[in-house]
Amino acid sequence: MTRTPHHPIAVIGAGLGGLTLARVLHVNGIEATVFDLEASAHARTQGGMLDIHAETGQAALHVARLHEDFLAKIHRGGEALRILDKHARVLRDEADDGSGGRPEIDRGDLRALLLSSLPEGTVRWNAQVTVARPQGEGRQEVVLADGGSFTTDLLIGADGAWSRVRPLLSDAVPAYTGISFVELDLMDAEVRHPDAARLLGCGMFFALGDDKGFLGHRESDGSLHIYTALRAPEDWLATLDFTDVPAVKAALLEHFSGWAPELQRLIADADGPAVPRTIHALPVAHRWTRVPGVTLLGDAAHLMSPFAGEGANLALIDGADLGRCLVEHPGDTEAALSAYEAQLFPRGEEAARQSAEGLEVIFDECAPKPLLDMFASFDA
């Protein structure tokens, strides 16, 4: 009979949080194994730009001893901000003077930095988890889609919105927030789309009104990444055939009828595929009663809408804090998990509340005024 493999620490999910945890453990001489459903590190693109906050994401990178390497990869100028109305009138325009505390980095570059900092073989690719179940005395069994399985003394769910580990701790299921995105790209913008490049500026971009809008940013490769966003029924995206990009564009343009032509062209002139995204969130105060040998981090613990810019930052600091707590409580996993969750719950709740409030600020019939007022309050 083949013996079931055992891993003392198993991390499900090779996203930013899971990799940060593995890195912090590694630099402290503790081995962890990370399992990810993707076929390889390069199986798919990793999304757009991230602003990494000093008190969370950057603090985590200090703990992981990667902050200097991070600074070498940031997108200079990416902290610029531009807010427009539906008529393409620029109502706020901030340059990046280098004094901000939230430098931008491409998500793929940050993930690659974390992956390269780990010993070869730390991440087991093509390992899709189908179910996790308790075995007693804090030990968990994890079953994989290929029929394999393993046991672990400490199971960490870093596996995102639809976590397979979460049911061990909580019955909570992400709920639709009422907001749907369609992601678009304009490639080689300075050469192929110079008008759009001038419209967006160098960093983050909002064009808002009538409970909808465009959210975008300039990528480090010179492309423009655009999110067309609107309040819509949960099944609205399912009514669109995303293999027919011209038809998707036509449907989007109907929703932005009456908007400035230069904003409409962000849809009409987009290159490549259109990608649907429905925005979900866990309850703002999501938490659980301590269960021996298992915990969560990142979106698995506190999925929220992206309208406070906290998701990636929380994943990073969650991973760093969990690693630090395990290091500080050698031989006492339950004390480590209790100390970690005492930080995780209030921090996640506050960020989720800010994200929910940010959603209402951006998707308002009077937008962009509430967003302008919010930034003006920061200036006071």
Foldseek 3Di string as FASTA:
>chain_A
DDDFAEWAAEEEDLAQQSLLLQLLLVVVPHAYAYEYQAQDLPNDADDFKAFAAVVFQLVLCVSSVCNVVVVVAFQPFAVWEWEAELQLDTDDTGTCPPPDRTTMGTSSVSSVSSVVSHDPRRYDYNWAWDAKADPDPQKIKTATPVGGIHIYNAYEFAPAQQTRQLVVWDPWHWDFPQKKKKKFKDPQCVPPPVLLPVSQDAHWYWYAAQLWTKTWTQGSRRMIIIITMGRDPPCPVVVDDQVPLVRVLVVSVVVSPPGHPSRNVSSVVTDDTIDMDTAIWTPLQFDGDDDRRYDYFANSGTRAGCLVSCRSSRSSRLSSQLSVLCSVDDPCNSSSVVVSVVVNRVVSSVVRVVRSVSSPCRRDNPPPVSVVVVVVVVVD
